[in-house]
Amino acid sequence: MDNEEHILLQESDTIVTSVIEKYLERSKVGREKYGTTLDREDLDKIQWLVHLQEELMDATLYIEKIKKELENYKKKDKKDKNDSGCIIS
């Protein structure tokens, strides 16, 4: 990324900037961890699709985890609202 592109990045939408920075960091980590980039040519299309499928399967697990946490929070919040602390006999 040259200086002009860097300036444009800084002046763009903060969300876009955040995502681009995350992509760049992920690319750096991937190069360090695997010693290669996505420009590699040792995988065929099926192998790339397997990688994608595995990543998407992980994503569904993360979604399920967060859903369960939100459901538990919602149940706890509802219970707390119903429990006013006042006991009527």
Protein backbone atom coordinates (compact mmCIF):
# COMPACT_ATOMS: atom_id res chain seq x y z
CA MET A 1 0.00 0.00 0.00
CA ASP A 2 1.53 3.30 -1.03
CA ASN A 3 1.24 6.55 0.92
CA GLU A 4 -1.67 7.84 -1.19
CA GLU A 5 -3.64 4.65 -0.62
CA HIS A 6 -2.88 4.85 3.10
CA ILE A 7 -4.22 8.42 3.24
CA LEU A 8 -7.38 7.37 1.36
CA LEU A 9 -7.82 4.52 3.80
CA GLN A 10 -7.58 6.87 6.76
CA GLU A 11 -10.17 9.21 5.21
CA SER A 12 -12.66 6.49 4.31
CA ASP A 13 -15.52 5.00 6.27
CA THR A 14 -14.29 3.86 9.70
CA ILE A 15 -15.99 0.50 9.31
CA VAL A 16 -14.34 -0.12 5.93
CA THR A 17 -11.00 0.93 7.40
CA SER A 18 -11.45 -1.44 10.32
CA VAL A 19 -12.25 -4.37 8.04
CA ILE A 20 -9.31 -3.65 5.73
CA GLU A 21 -6.96 -3.46 8.71
CA LYS A 22 -8.27 -6.80 9.94
CA TYR A 23 -7.73 -8.38 6.51
CA LEU A 24 -4.17 -7.07 6.41
CA GLU A 25 -3.47 -8.37 9.92
CA ARG A 26 -5.02 -11.74 9.08
CA SER A 27 -2.86 -11.96 5.97
CA LYS A 28 0.26 -11.21 8.04
CA VAL A 29 -0.64 -13.84 10.64
CA GLY A 30 -1.36 -16.37 7.89
CA ARG A 31 2.01 -15.75 6.25
CA GLU A 32 3.77 -16.16 9.60
CA LYS A 33 1.78 -19.24 10.60
CA TYR A 34 1.69 -21.09 7.27
CA GLY A 35 4.63 -19.52 5.45
CA THR A 36 2.53 -18.78 2.37
CA THR A 37 -0.22 -16.54 1.01
CA LEU A 38 -3.47 -17.14 -0.82
CA ASP A 39 -1.46 -16.76 -4.01
CA ARG A 40 -0.21 -20.32 -3.46
CA GLU A 41 -0.83 -22.72 -6.30
CA ASP A 42 -0.39 -26.08 -4.58
CA LEU A 43 -4.11 -26.56 -3.89
CA ASP A 44 -6.75 -27.44 -6.44
CA LYS A 45 -10.25 -25.98 -6.45
CA ILE A 46 -11.67 -28.89 -4.43
CA GLN A 47 -9.05 -28.36 -1.73
CA TRP A 48 -9.88 -24.64 -1.61
CA LEU A 49 -13.57 -25.53 -1.28
CA VAL A 50 -12.75 -27.92 1.58
CA HIS A 51 -10.91 -25.09 3.35
CA LEU A 52 -13.91 -22.80 2.80
CA GLN A 53 -16.32 -25.47 4.03
CA GLU A 54 -14.28 -26.00 7.20
CA GLU A 55 -14.17 -22.24 7.86
CA LEU A 56 -17.94 -21.95 7.37
CA MET A 57 -18.53 -24.92 9.65
CA ASP A 58 -16.48 -23.15 12.32
CA ALA A 59 -18.56 -20.02 11.75
CA THR A 60 -21.79 -21.93 12.39
CA LEU A 61 -20.33 -23.18 15.67
CA TYR A 62 -19.49 -19.63 16.72
CA ILE A 63 -23.02 -18.53 15.81
CA GLU A 64 -24.54 -21.34 17.86
CA LYS A 65 -22.31 -20.50 20.85
CA ILE A 66 -23.36 -16.85 20.81
CA LYS A 67 -27.04 -17.76 20.33
CA LYS A 68 -26.90 -19.99 23.42
CA GLU A 69 -25.25 -17.25 25.45
CA LEU A 70 -27.89 -14.72 24.36
CA GLU A 71 -30.71 -17.17 25.10
CA ASN A 72 -29.31 -17.81 28.57
CA TYR A 73 -28.92 -14.07 29.16
CA LYS A 74 -32.47 -13.44 27.98
CA LYS A 75 -33.83 -16.17 30.30
CA LYS A 76 -31.84 -14.79 33.24
CA ASP A 77 -32.94 -11.23 32.47
CA LYS A 78 -36.59 -12.31 32.24
CA LYS A 79 -36.29 -14.21 35.53
CA ASP A 80 -34.70 -11.18 37.21
CA LYS A 81 -37.53 -8.91 35.97
CA ASN A 82 -40.14 -11.36 37.26
CA ASP A 83 -38.41 -11.61 40.62
CA SER A 84 -39.14 -8.25 42.23
CA GLY A 85 -37.77 -9.34 45.57
CA CYS A 86 -41.17 -8.88 47.19
CA ILE A 87 -42.70 -11.99 48.68
CA ILE A 88 -46.46 -11.90 49.06
CA SER A 89 -47.94 -14.58 51.26
